[in-house]
C-alpha atoms as a PDB file:
ATOM      1  CA  UNK A   1      38.767  40.226 -13.374  1.00  0.00           C
ATOM      2  CA  UNK A   2      37.621  40.267  -9.769  1.00  0.00           C
ATOM      3  CA  UNK A   3      34.718  42.647 -10.634  1.00  0.00           C
ATOM      4  CA  UNK A   4      33.595  40.346 -13.426  1.00  0.00           C
ATOM      5  CA  UNK A   5      33.575  37.355 -11.091  1.00  0.00           C
ATOM      6  CA  UNK A   6      31.552  39.184  -8.429  1.00  0.00           C
ATOM      7  CA  UNK A   7      29.194  40.499 -11.060  1.00  0.00           C
ATOM      8  CA  UNK A   8      28.793  36.978 -12.537  1.00  0.00           C
ATOM      9  CA  UNK A   9      28.111  35.444  -9.125  1.00  0.00           C
ATOM     10  CA  UNK A  10      25.537  38.096  -8.241  1.00  0.00           C
ATOM     11  CA  UNK A  11      23.880  37.722 -11.649  1.00  0.00           C
ATOM     12  CA  UNK A  12      23.692  33.930 -11.298  1.00  0.00           C
ATOM     13  CA  UNK A  13      22.290  34.287  -7.782  1.00  0.00           C
ATOM     14  CA  UNK A  14      19.559  36.712  -8.916  1.00  0.00           C
ATOM     15  CA  UNK A  15      18.745  34.563 -11.945  1.00  0.00           C
ATOM     16  CA  UNK A  16      18.425  31.452  -9.799  1.00  0.00           C
ATOM     17  CA  UNK A  17      16.058  33.255  -7.395  1.00  0.00           C
ATOM     18  CA  UNK A  18      13.898  34.383 -10.300  1.00  0.00           C
ATOM     19  CA  UNK A  19      13.824  30.871 -11.765  1.00  0.00           C
ATOM     20  CA  UNK A  20      12.920  29.339  -8.405  1.00  0.00           C
ATOM     21  CA  UNK A  21       9.921  31.641  -8.048  1.00  0.00           C
ATOM     22  CA  UNK A  22       8.563  30.760 -11.512  1.00  0.00           C
ATOM     23  CA  UNK A  23       7.026  27.339 -11.980  1.00  0.00           C
ATOM     24  CA  UNK A  24       4.456  25.635 -14.148  1.00  0.00           C
ATOM     25  CA  UNK A  25       1.115  24.837 -12.570  1.00  0.00           C
ATOM     26  CA  UNK A  26      -1.309  22.260 -13.920  1.00  0.00           C
ATOM     27  CA  UNK A  27      -4.947  22.466 -12.889  1.00  0.00           C
ATOM     28  CA  UNK A  28      -6.536  19.133 -12.121  1.00  0.00           C
ATOM     29  CA  UNK A  29     -10.273  18.601 -11.992  1.00  0.00           C
ATOM     30  CA  UNK A  30     -11.788  17.041  -8.866  1.00  0.00           C
ATOM     31  CA  UNK A  31     -11.357  13.273  -8.711  1.00  0.00           C
ATOM     32  CA  UNK A  32     -15.113  12.659  -9.065  1.00  0.00           C
ATOM     33  CA  UNK A  33     -15.168  14.140 -12.555  1.00  0.00           C
ATOM     34  CA  UNK A  34     -12.304  11.898 -13.657  1.00  0.00           C
ATOM     35  CA  UNK A  35     -14.000   8.610 -12.901  1.00  0.00           C
ATOM     36  CA  UNK A  36     -16.843   7.035 -14.797  1.00  0.00           C
ATOM     37  CA  UNK A  37     -20.224   6.691 -13.144  1.00  0.00           C
ATOM     38  CA  UNK A  38     -20.876   3.266 -11.641  1.00  0.00           C
ATOM     39  CA  UNK A  39     -23.828   1.293 -12.973  1.00  0.00           C
ATOM     40  CA  UNK A  40     -27.093   1.521 -11.041  1.00  0.00           C
ATOM     41  CA  UNK A  41     -27.951  -1.380  -8.757  1.00  0.00           C
ATOM     42  CA  UNK A  42     -31.009  -2.919  -7.150  1.00  0.00           C
ATOM     43  CA  UNK A  43     -31.294  -4.383  -3.650  1.00  0.00           C
ATOM     44  CA  UNK A  44     -33.942  -5.775  -1.365  1.00  0.00           C
ATOM     45  CA  UNK A  45     -34.114  -6.635   2.318  1.00  0.00           C
ATOM     46  CA  UNK A  46     -36.838  -9.228   1.764  1.00  0.00           C
ATOM     47  CA  UNK A  47     -35.842 -12.875   1.474  1.00  0.00           C
ATOM     48  CA  UNK A  48     -36.911 -14.920  -1.515  1.00  0.00           C
ATOM     49  CA  UNK A  49     -37.428 -11.983  -3.865  1.00  0.00           C
ATOM     50  CA  UNK A  50     -36.108 -12.776  -7.326  1.00  0.00           C
ATOM     51  CA  UNK A  51     -35.799 -10.332 -10.180  1.00  0.00           C
ATOM     52  CA  UNK A  52     -33.645  -9.540 -13.183  1.00  0.00           C
ATOM     53  CA  UNK A  53     -32.029  -6.265 -14.171  1.00  0.00           C
ATOM     54  CA  UNK A  54     -30.564  -4.816 -17.329  1.00  0.00           C
ATOM     55  CA  UNK A  55     -28.374  -1.709 -17.337  1.00  0.00           C
ATOM     56  CA  UNK A  56     -29.316   0.616 -20.204  1.00  0.00           C
ATOM     57  CA  UNK A  57     -27.082   3.334 -21.635  1.00  0.00           C
ATOM     58  CA  UNK A  58     -28.963   6.622 -22.174  1.00  0.00           C
ATOM     59  CA  UNK A  59     -29.369   5.962 -25.905  1.00  0.00           C
ATOM     60  CA  UNK A  60     -31.235   2.713 -25.111  1.00  0.00           C
ATOM     61  CA  UNK A  61     -33.657   4.286 -22.615  1.00  0.00           C
ATOM     62  CA  UNK A  62     -37.257   5.025 -23.631  1.00  0.00           C
ATOM     63  CA  UNK A  63     -38.412   8.634 -23.711  1.00  0.00           C
ATOM     64  CA  UNK A  64     -35.310  10.257 -25.124  1.00  0.00           C
ATOM     65  CA  UNK A  65     -34.489  12.975 -27.606  1.00  0.00           C
ATOM     66  CA  UNK A  66     -31.189  13.853 -29.210  1.00  0.00           C
ATOM     67  CA  UNK A  67     -29.918  17.404 -28.748  1.00  0.00           C
ATOM     68  CA  UNK A  68     -28.342  19.350 -31.641  1.00  0.00           C
ATOM     69  CA  UNK A  69     -24.952  18.555 -30.072  1.00  0.00           C
ATOM     70  CA  UNK A  70     -25.731  14.798 -30.183  1.00  0.00           C
ATOM     71  CA  UNK A  71     -26.405  14.306 -26.465  1.00  0.00           C
ATOM     72  CA  UNK A  72     -29.222  11.926 -25.448  1.00  0.00           C
ATOM     73  CA  UNK A  73     -31.658  13.777 -23.166  1.00  0.00           C
ATOM     74  CA  UNK A  74     -34.902  12.824 -21.391  1.00  0.00           C
ATOM     75  CA  UNK A  75     -38.171  13.998 -22.944  1.00  0.00           C
ATOM     76  CA  UNK A  76     -40.632  16.163 -21.031  1.00  0.00           C
ATOM     77  CA  UNK A  77     -38.195  18.794 -19.749  1.00  0.00           C
ATOM     78  CA  UNK A  78     -37.327  22.268 -20.965  1.00  0.00           C
ATOM     79  CA  UNK A  79     -34.337  22.451 -23.344  1.00  0.00           C
ATOM     80  CA  UNK A  80     -31.005  22.509 -21.489  1.00  0.00           C
ATOM     81  CA  UNK A  81     -32.740  21.782 -18.182  1.00  0.00           C
ATOM     82  CA  UNK A  82     -32.201  18.063 -17.556  1.00  0.00           C
ATOM     83  CA  UNK A  83     -29.916  15.210 -18.537  1.00  0.00           C
ATOM     84  CA  UNK A  84     -29.359  11.588 -17.625  1.00  0.00           C
ATOM     85  CA  UNK A  85     -27.012  10.893 -14.728  1.00  0.00           C
ATOM     86  CA  UNK A  86     -25.266   7.841 -16.109  1.00  0.00           C
ATOM     87  CA  UNK A  87     -27.003   4.692 -17.274  1.00  0.00           C
ATOM     88  CA  UNK A  88     -30.558   3.654 -16.480  1.00  0.00           C
ATOM     89  CA  UNK A  89     -31.831   0.267 -15.339  1.00  0.00           C
ATOM     90  CA  UNK A  90     -34.745  -2.000 -16.265  1.00  0.00           C
ATOM     91  CA  UNK A  91     -36.181  -4.260 -13.562  1.00  0.00           C
ATOM     92  CA  UNK A  92     -38.349  -7.297 -14.313  1.00  0.00           C
ATOM     93  CA  UNK A  93     -39.520 -10.516 -12.689  1.00  0.00           C
ATOM     94  CA  UNK A  94     -41.106  -9.031  -9.566  1.00  0.00           C
ATOM     95  CA  UNK A  95     -44.644  -9.922  -8.540  1.00  0.00           C
ATOM     96  CA  UNK A  96     -47.079  -7.054  -8.135  1.00  0.00           C
ATOM     97  CA  UNK A  97     -46.658  -7.192  -4.336  1.00  0.00           C
ATOM     98  CA  UNK A  98     -42.845  -7.066  -4.408  1.00  0.00           C
ATOM     99  CA  UNK A  99     -40.727  -3.936  -4.312  1.00  0.00           C
ATOM    100  CA  UNK A 100     -36.990  -3.281  -4.394  1.00  0.00           C
ATOM    101  CA  UNK A 101     -34.698  -0.312  -3.855  1.00  0.00           C
ATOM    102  CA  UNK A 102     -32.928   1.096  -6.902  1.00  0.00           C
ATOM    103  CA  UNK A 103     -29.765   3.203  -6.439  1.00  0.00           C
ATOM    104  CA  UNK A 104     -27.697   5.329  -8.803  1.00  0.00           C
ATOM    105  CA  UNK A 105     -24.140   6.587  -8.414  1.00  0.00           C
ATOM    106  CA  UNK A 106     -24.186  10.408  -8.071  1.00  0.00           C
ATOM    107  CA  UNK A 107     -20.558  11.659  -8.079  1.00  0.00           C
ATOM    108  CA  UNK A 108     -21.405  15.257  -9.062  1.00  0.00           C
ATOM    109  CA  UNK A 109     -23.948  15.816  -6.261  1.00  0.00           C
ATOM    110  CA  UNK A 110     -21.708  18.249  -4.353  1.00  0.00           C
ATOM    111  CA  UNK A 111     -20.881  20.289  -7.482  1.00  0.00           C
ATOM    112  CA  UNK A 112     -24.161  22.216  -7.925  1.00  0.00           C
ATOM    113  CA  UNK A 113     -25.992  19.227  -9.418  1.00  0.00           C
ATOM    114  CA  UNK A 114     -29.102  17.687  -7.947  1.00  0.00           C
ATOM    115  CA  UNK A 115     -31.213  14.867  -9.226  1.00  0.00           C
ATOM    116  CA  UNK A 116     -34.265  12.703  -8.861  1.00  0.00           C
ATOM    117  CA  UNK A 117     -34.928   9.120  -9.860  1.00  0.00           C
ATOM    118  CA  UNK A 118     -37.642   8.855 -12.496  1.00  0.00           C
ATOM    119  CA  UNK A 119     -39.579   5.866 -13.797  1.00  0.00           C
ATOM    120  CA  UNK A 120     -40.673   5.630 -17.426  1.00  0.00           C
ATOM    121  CA  UNK A 121     -44.446   5.154 -17.301  1.00  0.00           C
ATOM    122  CA  UNK A 122     -46.129   4.699 -20.668  1.00  0.00           C
ATOM    123  CA  UNK A 123     -45.301   8.066 -22.292  1.00  0.00           C
ATOM    124  CA  UNK A 124     -43.426  10.126 -19.701  1.00  0.00           C
ATOM    125  CA  UNK A 125     -40.825  10.154 -16.939  1.00  0.00           C
ATOM    126  CA  UNK A 126     -42.546  10.156 -13.536  1.00  0.00           C
ATOM    127  CA  UNK A 127     -40.830  11.269 -10.349  1.00  0.00           C
ATOM    128  CA  UNK A 128     -40.013   8.773  -7.607  1.00  0.00           C
ATOM    129  CA  UNK A 129     -39.424   9.732  -3.963  1.00  0.00           C
ATOM    130  CA  UNK A 130     -35.617   9.952  -3.945  1.00  0.00           C
ATOM    131  CA  UNK A 131     -33.200   9.904  -1.042  1.00  0.00           C
ATOM    132  CA  UNK A 132     -29.645  11.194  -1.462  1.00  0.00           C
ATOM    133  CA  UNK A 133     -27.120   9.110   0.481  1.00  0.00           C
ATOM    134  CA  UNK A 134     -24.039  11.327   0.849  1.00  0.00           C
ATOM    135  CA  UNK A 135     -21.033   9.362   2.072  1.00  0.00           C
ATOM    136  CA  UNK A 136     -18.451  11.670   0.489  1.00  0.00           C
ATOM    137  CA  UNK A 137     -17.329  13.081   3.865  1.00  0.00           C
ATOM    138  CA  UNK A 138     -16.189   9.598   4.864  1.00  0.00           C
ATOM    139  CA  UNK A 139     -14.474   9.030   1.515  1.00  0.00           C
ATOM    140  CA  UNK A 140     -17.384   6.988   0.174  1.00  0.00           C
ATOM    141  CA  UNK A 141     -19.656   7.463  -2.789  1.00  0.00           C
ATOM    142  CA  UNK A 142     -22.772   9.578  -3.002  1.00  0.00           C
ATOM    143  CA  UNK A 143     -25.829   7.878  -4.415  1.00  0.00           C
ATOM    144  CA  UNK A 144     -29.486   8.549  -5.099  1.00  0.00           C
ATOM    145  CA  UNK A 145     -31.910   5.797  -4.061  1.00  0.00           C
ATOM    146  CA  UNK A 146     -35.624   5.174  -4.483  1.00  0.00           C
ATOM    147  CA  UNK A 147     -37.484   2.531  -2.511  1.00  0.00           C
ATOM    148  CA  UNK A 148     -40.719   0.927  -3.661  1.00  0.00           C
ATOM    149  CA  UNK A 149     -39.495   0.315  -7.204  1.00  0.00           C
ATOM    150  CA  UNK A 150     -41.303  -2.408  -9.117  1.00  0.00           C
ATOM    151  CA  UNK A 151     -41.003  -3.769 -12.631  1.00  0.00           C
ATOM    152  CA  UNK A 152     -40.064  -0.922 -14.960  1.00  0.00           C
ATOM    153  CA  UNK A 153     -37.338   1.308 -16.338  1.00  0.00           C
ATOM    154  CA  UNK A 154     -35.630   3.819 -14.059  1.00  0.00           C
ATOM    155  CA  UNK A 155     -33.118   6.610 -14.535  1.00  0.00           C
ATOM    156  CA  UNK A 156     -31.441   9.300 -12.477  1.00  0.00           C
ATOM    157  CA  UNK A 157     -32.242  12.604 -14.151  1.00  0.00           C
ATOM    158  CA  UNK A 158     -29.966  15.402 -13.033  1.00  0.00           C
ATOM    159  CA  UNK A 159     -30.228  19.168 -13.089  1.00  0.00           C
ATOM    160  CA  UNK A 160     -27.577  21.849 -12.712  1.00  0.00           C
ATOM    161  CA  UNK A 161     -28.342  24.588 -10.229  1.00  0.00           C
ATOM    162  CA  UNK A 162     -26.003  27.303  -9.057  1.00  0.00           C
ATOM    163  CA  UNK A 163     -26.630  29.869  -6.357  1.00  0.00           C
ATOM    164  CA  UNK A 164     -27.052  32.512  -9.084  1.00  0.00           C
ATOM    165  CA  UNK A 165     -29.985  30.563 -10.560  1.00  0.00           C
ATOM    166  CA  UNK A 166     -33.081  31.554  -8.627  1.00  0.00           C
ATOM    167  CA  UNK A 167     -35.254  29.624  -8.086  1.00  0.00           C
ATOM    168  CA  UNK A 168     -34.269  26.027  -8.793  1.00  0.00           C
ATOM    169  CA  UNK A 169     -35.779  24.753 -12.044  1.00  0.00           C
ATOM    170  CA  UNK A 170     -39.192  23.168 -11.590  1.00  0.00           C
ATOM    171  CA  UNK A 171     -39.110  19.414 -11.648  1.00  0.00           C
END
């Protein structure tokens, strides 16, 4: 009986060590991919400037095509090269001499994505000088901003680029 007890205790001890070393692990995506993109916003430092804005989901933007998978994409780019980074924005009510700054949330900037703000001009998306404001190191948001925006429709168009893709796609 004493051998059975020792054997049982040793077996339980070994089994408990094995069970302690085995656990279930759940992979969680980075927090930025779990949140929705904030709407774009417009600001100005000048006093007395009045304007109106309308946030447009990608399907409501001009200059779009629908991919075979049903995704709304900007026209004028190679297939699978570019996509909209969240919603776009339409600005109206500015005089010809007034300009504002338009900014877009850019949560995937540090994950091999880069982007440029484009304005829809007549029949195509035209590049705007874009500045990336990266506040992620301080726990803030990363955004893409373009100054000198006037009346028009704007969108952040993003591109995926990894270090194995050489060179970056032409914009």
